[in-house]
Amino acid sequence: MRVGYAVAIVLVAALVTVITRVLPFILFSSTKRDIPRAVSYLGAVLPPAVMAALVIYSIKGISFTAPSLWMYEVGAVILTALVHFWKRNTLVSIATGTIIYMVLVQGQFL
């Protein structure tokens, strides 16, 4: 693959990302109107729904035939939930859960 082609792909992806991040501010900051109720509703409902979907996707393939096949995943999910209820910070809880899971999985080979 040519370098110019790869650079063009990265630039287009970056431009589209910037546009999608800036567009809501352009649409809603210049007007004196309130944010539409549908947008406010989606802003309140989508983050927990996305988190639930990610949790389900993360644990969908585990098998409960032996503890070694599910213990690490379920343990990491429980600890992630506990950290989230304690700190109320999504980034901290996700990072903690990921680190805990990786330590548990890597520790089984030691």
PDB file of N, CA and C in Angstrom:
ATOM      1  N   MET A   1       0.845  -1.171   0.000  1.00  0.00           N
ATOM      2  CA  MET A   1       0.000   0.000   0.000  1.00  0.00           C
ATOM      3  C   MET A   1       0.888   1.230   0.000  1.00  0.00           C
ATOM      4  N   ARG A   2       0.500   2.201  -0.766  1.00  0.00           N
ATOM      5  CA  ARG A   2       1.292   3.422  -0.838  1.00  0.00           C
ATOM      6  C   ARG A   2       1.110   4.249   0.422  1.00  0.00           C
ATOM      7  N   VAL A   3       2.142   4.986   0.767  1.00  0.00           N
ATOM      8  CA  VAL A   3       2.113   5.824   1.967  1.00  0.00           C
ATOM      9  C   VAL A   3       1.100   6.945   1.810  1.00  0.00           C
ATOM     10  N   GLY A   4       1.022   7.547   0.634  1.00  0.00           N
ATOM     11  CA  GLY A   4       0.075   8.635   0.398  1.00  0.00           C
ATOM     12  C   GLY A   4      -1.368   8.198   0.596  1.00  0.00           C
ATOM     13  N   TYR A   5      -1.683   6.988   0.182  1.00  0.00           N
ATOM     14  CA  TYR A   5      -3.026   6.446   0.349  1.00  0.00           C
ATOM     15  C   TYR A   5      -3.356   6.275   1.834  1.00  0.00           C
ATOM     16  N   ALA A   6      -2.405   5.746   2.597  1.00  0.00           N
ATOM     17  CA  ALA A   6      -2.607   5.559   4.032  1.00  0.00           C
ATOM     18  C   ALA A   6      -2.767   6.903   4.742  1.00  0.00           C
ATOM     19  N   VAL A   7      -1.975   7.879   4.359  1.00  0.00           N
ATOM     20  CA  VAL A   7      -2.080   9.214   4.954  1.00  0.00           C
ATOM     21  C   VAL A   7      -3.440   9.827   4.632  1.00  0.00           C
ATOM     22  N   ALA A   8      -3.910   9.651   3.402  1.00  0.00           N
ATOM     23  CA  ALA A   8      -5.222  10.179   3.013  1.00  0.00           C
ATOM     24  C   ALA A   8      -6.340   9.540   3.829  1.00  0.00           C
ATOM     25  N   ILE A   9      -6.246   8.247   4.079  1.00  0.00           N
ATOM     26  CA  ILE A   9      -7.251   7.558   4.894  1.00  0.00           C
ATOM     27  C   ILE A   9      -7.266   8.118   6.312  1.00  0.00           C
ATOM     28  N   VAL A  10      -6.098   8.302   6.886  1.00  0.00           N
ATOM     29  CA  VAL A  10      -6.006   8.841   8.241  1.00  0.00           C
ATOM     30  C   VAL A  10      -6.551  10.268   8.287  1.00  0.00           C
ATOM     31  N   LEU A  11      -6.227  11.088   7.317  1.00  0.00           N
ATOM     32  CA  LEU A  11      -6.720  12.467   7.285  1.00  0.00           C
ATOM     33  C   LEU A  11      -8.239  12.528   7.151  1.00  0.00           C
ATOM     34  N   VAL A  12      -8.799  11.704   6.285  1.00  0.00           N
ATOM     35  CA  VAL A  12     -10.255  11.690   6.123  1.00  0.00           C
ATOM     36  C   VAL A  12     -10.928  11.220   7.418  1.00  0.00           C
ATOM     37  N   ALA A  13     -10.398  10.189   8.031  1.00  0.00           N
ATOM     38  CA  ALA A  13     -10.967   9.705   9.293  1.00  0.00           C
ATOM     39  C   ALA A  13     -10.871  10.767  10.386  1.00  0.00           C
ATOM     40  N   ALA A  14      -9.751  11.472  10.444  1.00  0.00           N
ATOM     41  CA  ALA A  14      -9.583  12.538  11.436  1.00  0.00           C
ATOM     42  C   ALA A  14     -10.551  13.682  11.173  1.00  0.00           C
ATOM     43  N   LEU A  15     -10.721  14.047   9.920  1.00  0.00           N
ATOM     44  CA  LEU A  15     -11.641  15.133   9.570  1.00  0.00           C
ATOM     45  C   LEU A  15     -13.087  14.775   9.927  1.00  0.00           C
ATOM     46  N   VAL A  16     -13.493  13.570   9.607  1.00  0.00           N
ATOM     47  CA  VAL A  16     -14.853  13.135   9.933  1.00  0.00           C
ATOM     48  C   VAL A  16     -15.045  13.096  11.445  1.00  0.00           C
ATOM     49  N   THR A  17     -14.063  12.648  12.187  1.00  0.00           N
ATOM     50  CA  THR A  17     -14.153  12.617  13.645  1.00  0.00           C
ATOM     51  C   THR A  17     -14.290  14.021  14.210  1.00  0.00           C
ATOM     52  N   VAL A  18     -13.486  14.952  13.731  1.00  0.00           N
ATOM     53  CA  VAL A  18     -13.567  16.339  14.207  1.00  0.00           C
ATOM     54  C   VAL A  18     -14.929  16.934  13.879  1.00  0.00           C
ATOM     55  N   ILE A  19     -15.420  16.694  12.686  1.00  0.00           N
ATOM     56  CA  ILE A  19     -16.721  17.243  12.290  1.00  0.00           C
ATOM     57  C   ILE A  19     -17.830  16.697  13.183  1.00  0.00           C
ATOM     58  N   THR A  20     -17.824  15.401  13.436  1.00  0.00           N
ATOM     59  CA  THR A  20     -18.883  14.836  14.273  1.00  0.00           C
ATOM     60  C   THR A  20     -18.779  15.292  15.721  1.00  0.00           C
ATOM     61  N   ARG A  21     -17.594  15.633  16.177  1.00  0.00           N
ATOM     62  CA  ARG A  21     -17.436  16.142  17.548  1.00  0.00           C
ATOM     63  C   ARG A  21     -17.817  17.611  17.659  1.00  0.00           C
ATOM     64  N   VAL A  22     -17.580  18.392  16.636  1.00  0.00           N
ATOM     65  CA  VAL A  22     -17.819  19.832  16.679  1.00  0.00           C
ATOM     66  C   VAL A  22     -19.249  20.182  16.278  1.00  0.00           C
ATOM     67  N   LEU A  23     -19.853  19.376  15.432  1.00  0.00           N
ATOM     68  CA  LEU A  23     -21.172  19.684  14.894  1.00  0.00           C
ATOM     69  C   LEU A  23     -22.237  19.972  15.965  1.00  0.00           C
ATOM     70  N   PRO A  24     -22.358  19.196  17.035  1.00  0.00           N
ATOM     71  CA  PRO A  24     -23.372  19.539  18.051  1.00  0.00           C
ATOM     72  C   PRO A  24     -23.146  20.916  18.674  1.00  0.00           C
ATOM     73  N   PHE A  25     -21.909  21.304  18.885  1.00  0.00           N
ATOM     74  CA  PHE A  25     -21.628  22.621  19.451  1.00  0.00           C
ATOM     75  C   PHE A  25     -22.022  23.733  18.477  1.00  0.00           C
ATOM     76  N   ILE A  26     -21.790  23.497  17.204  1.00  0.00           N
ATOM     77  CA  ILE A  26     -22.173  24.491  16.196  1.00  0.00           C
ATOM     78  C   ILE A  26     -23.698  24.604  16.112  1.00  0.00           C
ATOM     79  N   LEU A  27     -24.378  23.465  16.147  1.00  0.00           N
ATOM     80  CA  LEU A  27     -25.829  23.470  16.005  1.00  0.00           C
ATOM     81  C   LEU A  27     -26.543  24.055  17.221  1.00  0.00           C
ATOM     82  N   PHE A  28     -26.044  23.768  18.427  1.00  0.00           N
ATOM     83  CA  PHE A  28     -26.795  24.130  19.624  1.00  0.00           C
ATOM     84  C   PHE A  28     -26.245  25.324  20.388  1.00  0.00           C
ATOM     85  N   SER A  29     -25.032  25.773  20.134  1.00  0.00           N
ATOM     86  CA  SER A  29     -24.490  26.878  20.924  1.00  0.00           C
ATOM     87  C   SER A  29     -24.855  28.253  20.353  1.00  0.00           C
ATOM     88  N   SER A  30     -25.083  28.337  19.064  1.00  0.00           N
ATOM     89  CA  SER A  30     -25.361  29.645  18.473  1.00  0.00           C
ATOM     90  C   SER A  30     -26.816  30.073  18.657  1.00  0.00           C
ATOM     91  N   THR A  31     -27.673  29.148  19.010  1.00  0.00           N
ATOM     92  CA  THR A  31     -29.079  29.491  19.189  1.00  0.00           C
ATOM     93  C   THR A  31     -29.360  29.768  20.652  1.00  0.00           C
ATOM     94  N   LYS A  32     -30.390  30.531  20.903  1.00  0.00           N
ATOM     95  CA  LYS A  32     -30.800  30.830  22.275  1.00  0.00           C
ATOM     96  C   LYS A  32     -31.798  29.803  22.801  1.00  0.00           C
ATOM     97  N   ARG A  33     -32.133  28.838  21.963  1.00  0.00           N
ATOM     98  CA  ARG A  33     -33.099  27.811  22.354  1.00  0.00           C
ATOM     99  C   ARG A  33     -32.448  26.773  23.257  1.00  0.00           C
ATOM    100  N   ASP A  34     -33.299  26.064  23.961  1.00  0.00           N
ATOM    101  CA  ASP A  34     -32.829  24.952  24.774  1.00  0.00           C
ATOM    102  C   ASP A  34     -32.510  23.767  23.871  1.00  0.00           C
ATOM    103  N   ILE A  35     -31.732  22.852  24.421  1.00  0.00           N
ATOM    104  CA  ILE A  35     -31.431  21.621  23.694  1.00  0.00           C
ATOM    105  C   ILE A  35     -32.728  20.830  23.569  1.00  0.00           C
ATOM    106  N   PRO A  36     -33.003  20.271  22.401  1.00  0.00           N
ATOM    107  CA  PRO A  36     -34.247  19.506  22.238  1.00  0.00           C
ATOM    108  C   PRO A  36     -34.355  18.367  23.257  1.00  0.00           C
ATOM    109  N   ARG A  37     -35.573  18.090  23.664  1.00  0.00           N
ATOM    110  CA  ARG A  37     -35.799  17.056  24.684  1.00  0.00           C
ATOM    111  C   ARG A  37     -35.309  15.689  24.226  1.00  0.00           C
ATOM    112  N   ALA A  38     -35.448  15.396  22.942  1.00  0.00           N
ATOM    113  CA  ALA A  38     -34.999  14.101  22.429  1.00  0.00           C
ATOM    114  C   ALA A  38     -33.484  13.952  22.580  1.00  0.00           C
ATOM    115  N   VAL A  39     -32.746  15.025  22.328  1.00  0.00           N
ATOM    116  CA  VAL A  39     -31.287  14.976  22.462  1.00  0.00           C
ATOM    117  C   VAL A  39     -30.896  14.822  23.930  1.00  0.00           C
ATOM    118  N   SER A  40     -31.575  15.535  24.812  1.00  0.00           N
ATOM    119  CA  SER A  40     -31.308  15.405  26.254  1.00  0.00           C
ATOM    120  C   SER A  40     -31.615  13.996  26.744  1.00  0.00           C
ATOM    121  N   TYR A  41     -32.724  13.445  26.258  1.00  0.00           N
ATOM    122  CA  TYR A  41     -33.095  12.083  26.638  1.00  0.00           C
ATOM    123  C   TYR A  41     -32.040  11.080  26.180  1.00  0.00           C
ATOM    124  N   LEU A  42     -31.612  11.199  24.931  1.00  0.00           N
ATOM    125  CA  LEU A  42     -30.586  10.286  24.421  1.00  0.00           C
ATOM    126  C   LEU A  42     -29.273  10.445  25.178  1.00  0.00           C
ATOM    127  N   GLY A  43     -28.948  11.678  25.556  1.00  0.00           N
ATOM    128  CA  GLY A  43     -27.730  11.915  26.327  1.00  0.00           C
ATOM    129  C   GLY A  43     -27.772  11.262  27.695  1.00  0.00           C
ATOM    130  N   ALA A  44     -28.973  11.131  28.257  1.00  0.00           N
ATOM    131  CA  ALA A  44     -29.110  10.500  29.568  1.00  0.00           C
ATOM    132  C   ALA A  44     -29.208   8.982  29.483  1.00  0.00           C
ATOM    133  N   VAL A  45     -29.781   8.471  28.400  1.00  0.00           N
ATOM    134  CA  VAL A  45     -30.075   7.043  28.302  1.00  0.00           C
ATOM    135  C   VAL A  45     -28.978   6.247  27.597  1.00  0.00           C
ATOM    136  N   LEU A  46     -28.338   6.821  26.609  1.00  0.00           N
ATOM    137  CA  LEU A  46     -27.386   6.046  25.803  1.00  0.00           C
ATOM    138  C   LEU A  46     -26.127   5.593  26.543  1.00  0.00           C
ATOM    139  N   PRO A  47     -25.488   6.421  27.375  1.00  0.00           N
ATOM    140  CA  PRO A  47     -24.280   5.914  28.037  1.00  0.00           C
ATOM    141  C   PRO A  47     -24.493   4.644  28.864  1.00  0.00           C
ATOM    142  N   PRO A  48     -25.530   4.561  29.728  1.00  0.00           N
ATOM    143  CA  PRO A  48     -25.736   3.297  30.436  1.00  0.00           C
ATOM    144  C   PRO A  48     -26.100   2.144  29.500  1.00  0.00           C
ATOM    145  N   ALA A  49     -26.847   2.437  28.429  1.00  0.00           N
ATOM    146  CA  ALA A  49     -27.216   1.381  27.485  1.00  0.00           C
ATOM    147  C   ALA A  49     -25.978   0.836  26.762  1.00  0.00           C
ATOM    148  N   VAL A  50     -25.078   1.719  26.387  1.00  0.00           N
ATOM    149  CA  VAL A  50     -23.842   1.289  25.728  1.00  0.00           C
ATOM    150  C   VAL A  50     -22.991   0.461  26.696  1.00  0.00           C
ATOM    151  N   MET A  51     -22.911   0.902  27.948  1.00  0.00           N
ATOM    152  CA  MET A  51     -22.143   0.140  28.942  1.00  0.00           C
ATOM    153  C   MET A  51     -22.736  -1.249  29.141  1.00  0.00           C
ATOM    154  N   ALA A  52     -24.062  -1.343  29.229  1.00  0.00           N
ATOM    155  CA  ALA A  52     -24.713  -2.642  29.387  1.00  0.00           C
ATOM    156  C   ALA A  52     -24.439  -3.535  28.183  1.00  0.00           C
ATOM    157  N   ALA A  53     -24.501  -2.967  26.991  1.00  0.00           N
ATOM    158  CA  ALA A  53     -24.219  -3.749  25.786  1.00  0.00           C
ATOM    159  C   ALA A  53     -22.772  -4.246  25.780  1.00  0.00           C
ATOM    160  N   LEU A  54     -21.846  -3.404  26.219  1.00  0.00           N
ATOM    161  CA  LEU A  54     -20.437  -3.825  26.278  1.00  0.00           C
ATOM    162  C   LEU A  54     -20.225  -4.937  27.294  1.00  0.00           C
ATOM    163  N   VAL A  55     -20.890  -4.857  28.437  1.00  0.00           N
ATOM    164  CA  VAL A  55     -20.763  -5.912  29.450  1.00  0.00           C
ATOM    165  C   VAL A  55     -21.307  -7.227  28.898  1.00  0.00           C
ATOM    166  N   ILE A  56     -22.473  -7.171  28.291  1.00  0.00           N
ATOM    167  CA  ILE A  56     -23.065  -8.389  27.731  1.00  0.00           C
ATOM    168  C   ILE A  56     -22.175  -8.963  26.630  1.00  0.00           C
ATOM    169  N   TYR A  57     -21.641  -8.102  25.782  1.00  0.00           N
ATOM    170  CA  TYR A  57     -20.750  -8.575  24.719  1.00  0.00           C
ATOM    171  C   TYR A  57     -19.479  -9.194  25.310  1.00  0.00           C
ATOM    172  N   SER A  58     -18.996  -8.623  26.406  1.00  0.00           N
ATOM    173  CA  SER A  58     -17.759  -9.109  27.012  1.00  0.00           C
ATOM    174  C   SER A  58     -17.920 -10.490  27.625  1.00  0.00           C
ATOM    175  N   ILE A  59     -19.095 -10.781  28.163  1.00  0.00           N
ATOM    176  CA  ILE A  59     -19.257 -12.055  28.878  1.00  0.00           C
ATOM    177  C   ILE A  59     -20.132 -13.047  28.120  1.00  0.00           C
ATOM    178  N   LYS A  60     -20.488 -12.758  26.883  1.00  0.00           N
ATOM    179  CA  LYS A  60     -21.391 -13.643  26.138  1.00  0.00           C
ATOM    180  C   LYS A  60     -20.776 -15.010  25.824  1.00  0.00           C
ATOM    181  N   GLY A  61     -19.479 -15.077  25.733  1.00  0.00           N
ATOM    182  CA  GLY A  61     -18.858 -16.316  25.307  1.00  0.00           C
ATOM    183  C   GLY A  61     -18.303 -17.183  26.425  1.00  0.00           C
ATOM    184  N   ILE A  62     -18.564 -16.809  27.668  1.00  0.00           N
ATOM    185  CA  ILE A  62     -17.971 -17.602  28.743  1.00  0.00           C
ATOM    186  C   ILE A  62     -18.749 -18.892  28.956  1.00  0.00           C
ATOM    187  N   SER A  63     -18.036 -19.895  29.380  1.00  0.00           N
ATOM    188  CA  SER A  63     -18.621 -21.206  29.637  1.00  0.00           C
ATOM    189  C   SER A  63     -18.549 -21.481  31.132  1.00  0.00           C
ATOM    190  N   PHE A  64     -19.641 -21.971  31.694  1.00  0.00           N
ATOM    191  CA  PHE A  64     -19.691 -22.237  33.121  1.00  0.00           C
ATOM    192  C   PHE A  64     -19.418 -23.704  33.451  1.00  0.00           C
ATOM    193  N   THR A  65     -18.766 -24.430  32.542  1.00  0.00           N
ATOM    194  CA  THR A  65     -18.490 -25.843  32.784  1.00  0.00           C
ATOM    195  C   THR A  65     -17.380 -26.041  33.805  1.00  0.00           C
ATOM    196  N   ALA A  66     -16.474 -25.090  33.920  1.00  0.00           N
ATOM    197  CA  ALA A  66     -15.399 -25.169  34.905  1.00  0.00           C
ATOM    198  C   ALA A  66     -15.104 -23.766  35.410  1.00  0.00           C
ATOM    199  N   PRO A  67     -14.774 -23.617  36.695  1.00  0.00           N
ATOM    200  CA  PRO A  67     -14.521 -22.274  37.242  1.00  0.00           C
ATOM    201  C   PRO A  67     -13.419 -21.513  36.520  1.00  0.00           C
ATOM    202  N   SER A  68     -12.425 -22.213  36.022  1.00  0.00           N
ATOM    203  CA  SER A  68     -11.329 -21.518  35.349  1.00  0.00           C
ATOM    204  C   SER A  68     -11.779 -20.862  34.044  1.00  0.00           C
ATOM    205  N   LEU A  69     -12.941 -21.257  33.526  1.00  0.00           N
ATOM    206  CA  LEU A  69     -13.434 -20.702  32.270  1.00  0.00           C
ATOM    207  C   LEU A  69     -14.278 -19.441  32.461  1.00  0.00           C
ATOM    208  N   TRP A  70     -14.709 -19.140  33.680  1.00  0.00           N
ATOM    209  CA  TRP A  70     -15.561 -17.970  33.901  1.00  0.00           C
ATOM    210  C   TRP A  70     -15.128 -17.107  35.080  1.00  0.00           C
ATOM    211  N   MET A  71     -14.276 -17.611  35.923  1.00  0.00           N
ATOM    212  CA  MET A  71     -13.918 -16.941  37.165  1.00  0.00           C
ATOM    213  C   MET A  71     -13.300 -15.556  36.934  1.00  0.00           C
ATOM    214  N   TYR A  72     -12.418 -15.417  35.987  1.00  0.00           N
ATOM    215  CA  TYR A  72     -11.725 -14.154  35.760  1.00  0.00           C
ATOM    216  C   TYR A  72     -12.669 -13.096  35.188  1.00  0.00           C
ATOM    217  N   GLU A  73     -13.489 -13.485  34.223  1.00  0.00           N
ATOM    218  CA  GLU A  73     -14.412 -12.527  33.612  1.00  0.00           C
ATOM    219  C   GLU A  73     -15.440 -12.014  34.613  1.00  0.00           C
ATOM    220  N   VAL A  74     -16.068 -12.942  35.328  1.00  0.00           N
ATOM    221  CA  VAL A  74     -17.090 -12.543  36.302  1.00  0.00           C
ATOM    222  C   VAL A  74     -16.460 -11.738  37.439  1.00  0.00           C
ATOM    223  N   GLY A  75     -15.286 -12.143  37.871  1.00  0.00           N
ATOM    224  CA  GLY A  75     -14.591 -11.390  38.927  1.00  0.00           C
ATOM    225  C   GLY A  75     -14.273  -9.970  38.495  1.00  0.00           C
ATOM    226  N   ALA A  76     -13.805  -9.812  37.279  1.00  0.00           N
ATOM    227  CA  ALA A  76     -13.489  -8.470  36.770  1.00  0.00           C
ATOM    228  C   ALA A  76     -14.746  -7.627  36.618  1.00  0.00           C
ATOM    229  N   VAL A  77     -15.845  -8.217  36.162  1.00  0.00           N
ATOM    230  CA  VAL A  77     -17.097  -7.481  36.021  1.00  0.00           C
ATOM    231  C   VAL A  77     -17.606  -7.027  37.389  1.00  0.00           C
ATOM    232  N   ILE A  78     -17.555  -7.910  38.375  1.00  0.00           N
ATOM    233  CA  ILE A  78     -18.014  -7.558  39.721  1.00  0.00           C
ATOM    234  C   ILE A  78     -17.149  -6.453  40.314  1.00  0.00           C
ATOM    235  N   LEU A  79     -15.850  -6.583  40.184  1.00  0.00           N
ATOM    236  CA  LEU A  79     -14.959  -5.547  40.723  1.00  0.00           C
ATOM    237  C   LEU A  79     -15.126  -4.224  39.985  1.00  0.00           C
ATOM    238  N   THR A  80     -15.365  -4.277  38.681  1.00  0.00           N
ATOM    239  CA  THR A  80     -15.615  -3.053  37.922  1.00  0.00           C
ATOM    240  C   THR A  80     -16.886  -2.371  38.422  1.00  0.00           C
ATOM    241  N   ALA A  81     -17.935  -3.152  38.657  1.00  0.00           N
ATOM    242  CA  ALA A  81     -19.186  -2.580  39.167  1.00  0.00           C
ATOM    243  C   ALA A  81     -18.983  -1.981  40.555  1.00  0.00           C
ATOM    244  N   LEU A  82     -18.251  -2.666  41.417  1.00  0.00           N
ATOM    245  CA  LEU A  82     -18.001  -2.138  42.759  1.00  0.00           C
ATOM    246  C   LEU A  82     -17.224  -0.826  42.719  1.00  0.00           C
ATOM    247  N   VAL A  83     -16.197  -0.770  41.876  1.00  0.00           N
ATOM    248  CA  VAL A  83     -15.422   0.472  41.752  1.00  0.00           C
ATOM    249  C   VAL A  83     -16.299   1.583  41.192  1.00  0.00           C
ATOM    250  N   HIS A  84     -17.174   1.240  40.250  1.00  0.00           N
ATOM    251  CA  HIS A  84     -18.037   2.270  39.675  1.00  0.00           C
ATOM    252  C   HIS A  84     -19.028   2.810  40.714  1.00  0.00           C
ATOM    253  N   PHE A  85     -19.615   1.935  41.519  1.00  0.00           N
ATOM    254  CA  PHE A  85     -20.537   2.398  42.553  1.00  0.00           C
ATOM    255  C   PHE A  85     -19.818   3.189  43.638  1.00  0.00           C
ATOM    256  N   TRP A  86     -18.547   2.863  43.844  1.00  0.00           N
ATOM    257  CA  TRP A  86     -17.763   3.564  44.867  1.00  0.00           C
ATOM    258  C   TRP A  86     -17.314   4.937  44.379  1.00  0.00           C
ATOM    259  N   LYS A  87     -16.721   4.993  43.199  1.00  0.00           N
ATOM    260  CA  LYS A  87     -16.124   6.230  42.682  1.00  0.00           C
ATOM    261  C   LYS A  87     -17.053   7.042  41.777  1.00  0.00           C
ATOM    262  N   ARG A  88     -18.043   6.388  41.170  1.00  0.00           N
ATOM    263  CA  ARG A  88     -18.946   7.061  40.224  1.00  0.00           C
ATOM    264  C   ARG A  88     -18.199   7.729  39.077  1.00  0.00           C
ATOM    265  N   ASN A  89     -17.187   7.043  38.585  1.00  0.00           N
ATOM    266  CA  ASN A  89     -16.366   7.553  37.496  1.00  0.00           C
ATOM    267  C   ASN A  89     -16.198   6.430  36.473  1.00  0.00           C
ATOM    268  N   THR A  90     -16.772   6.622  35.302  1.00  0.00           N
ATOM    269  CA  THR A  90     -16.762   5.575  34.286  1.00  0.00           C
ATOM    270  C   THR A  90     -15.353   5.211  33.842  1.00  0.00           C
ATOM    271  N   LEU A  91     -14.517   6.206  33.612  1.00  0.00           N
ATOM    272  CA  LEU A  91     -13.157   5.921  33.138  1.00  0.00           C
ATOM    273  C   LEU A  91     -12.351   5.154  34.182  1.00  0.00           C
ATOM    274  N   VAL A  92     -12.489   5.541  35.442  1.00  0.00           N
ATOM    275  CA  VAL A  92     -11.753   4.844  36.505  1.00  0.00           C
ATOM    276  C   VAL A  92     -12.234   3.404  36.618  1.00  0.00           C
ATOM    277  N   SER A  93     -13.549   3.202  36.550  1.00  0.00           N
ATOM    278  CA  SER A  93     -14.057   1.840  36.701  1.00  0.00           C
ATOM    279  C   SER A  93     -13.678   0.961  35.511  1.00  0.00           C
ATOM    280  N   ILE A  94     -13.737   1.503  34.294  1.00  0.00           N
ATOM    281  CA  ILE A  94     -13.349   0.713  33.122  1.00  0.00           C
ATOM    282  C   ILE A  94     -11.859   0.384  33.166  1.00  0.00           C
ATOM    283  N   ALA A  95     -11.041   1.366  33.490  1.00  0.00           N
ATOM    284  CA  ALA A  95      -9.595   1.125  33.568  1.00  0.00           C
ATOM    285  C   ALA A  95      -9.276   0.108  34.653  1.00  0.00           C
ATOM    286  N   THR A  96      -9.907   0.248  35.797  1.00  0.00           N
ATOM    287  CA  THR A  96      -9.671  -0.698  36.894  1.00  0.00           C
ATOM    288  C   THR A  96     -10.092  -2.107  36.495  1.00  0.00           C
ATOM    289  N   GLY A  97     -11.276  -2.235  35.903  1.00  0.00           N
ATOM    290  CA  GLY A  97     -11.741  -3.556  35.480  1.00  0.00           C
ATOM    291  C   GLY A  97     -10.841  -4.189  34.440  1.00  0.00           C
ATOM    292  N   THR A  98     -10.368  -3.391  33.503  1.00  0.00           N
ATOM    293  CA  THR A  98      -9.469  -3.914  32.478  1.00  0.00           C
ATOM    294  C   THR A  98      -8.152  -4.375  33.087  1.00  0.00           C
ATOM    295  N   ILE A  99      -7.599  -3.564  33.966  1.00  0.00           N
ATOM    296  CA  ILE A  99      -6.326  -3.922  34.616  1.00  0.00           C
ATOM    297  C   ILE A  99      -6.496  -5.178  35.463  1.00  0.00           C
ATOM    298  N   ILE A 100      -7.581  -5.239  36.224  1.00  0.00           N
ATOM    299  CA  ILE A 100      -7.826  -6.416  37.075  1.00  0.00           C
ATOM    300  C   ILE A 100      -7.964  -7.665  36.221  1.00  0.00           C
ATOM    301  N   TYR A 101      -8.729  -7.561  35.140  1.00  0.00           N
ATOM    302  CA  TYR A 101      -8.911  -8.722  34.262  1.00  0.00           C
ATOM    303  C   TYR A 101      -7.584  -9.175  33.665  1.00  0.00           C
ATOM    304  N   MET A 102      -6.790  -8.234  33.182  1.00  0.00           N
ATOM    305  CA  MET A 102      -5.506  -8.614  32.581  1.00  0.00           C
ATOM    306  C   MET A 102      -4.563  -9.228  33.600  1.00  0.00           C
ATOM    307  N   VAL A 103      -4.546  -8.717  34.816  1.00  0.00           N
ATOM    308  CA  VAL A 103      -3.704  -9.296  35.865  1.00  0.00           C
ATOM    309  C   VAL A 103      -4.173 -10.716  36.187  1.00  0.00           C
ATOM    310  N   LEU A 104      -5.491 -10.887  36.298  1.00  0.00           N
ATOM    311  CA  LEU A 104      -6.012 -12.228  36.597  1.00  0.00           C
ATOM    312  C   LEU A 104      -5.704 -13.220  35.480  1.00  0.00           C
ATOM    313  N   VAL A 105      -5.902 -12.803  34.241  1.00  0.00           N
ATOM    314  CA  VAL A 105      -5.658 -13.710  33.118  1.00  0.00           C
ATOM    315  C   VAL A 105      -4.172 -14.018  32.976  1.00  0.00           C
ATOM    316  N   GLN A 106      -3.331 -13.006  33.105  1.00  0.00           N
ATOM    317  CA  GLN A 106      -1.889 -13.230  32.979  1.00  0.00           C
ATOM    318  C   GLN A 106      -1.350 -14.004  34.168  1.00  0.00           C
ATOM    319  N   GLY A 107      -1.956 -13.834  35.328  1.00  0.00           N
ATOM    320  CA  GLY A 107      -1.499 -14.542  36.527  1.00  0.00           C
ATOM    321  C   GLY A 107      -1.745 -16.035  36.484  1.00  0.00           C
ATOM    322  N   GLN A 108      -2.710 -16.473  35.677  1.00  0.00           N
ATOM    323  CA  GLN A 108      -3.005 -17.910  35.615  1.00  0.00           C
ATOM    324  C   GLN A 108      -1.869 -18.675  34.931  1.00  0.00           C
ATOM    325  N   PHE A 109      -1.017 -17.979  34.200  1.00  0.00           N
ATOM    326  CA  PHE A 109       0.078 -18.659  33.511  1.00  0.00           C
ATOM    327  C   PHE A 109       1.363 -18.657  34.328  1.00  0.00           C
ATOM    328  N   LEU A 110       1.357 -17.967  35.450  1.00  0.00           N
ATOM    329  CA  LEU A 110       2.579 -17.907  36.257  1.00  0.00           C
ATOM    330  C   LEU A 110       2.765 -19.135  37.095  1.00  0.00           C
TER     331      LEU A 110
END
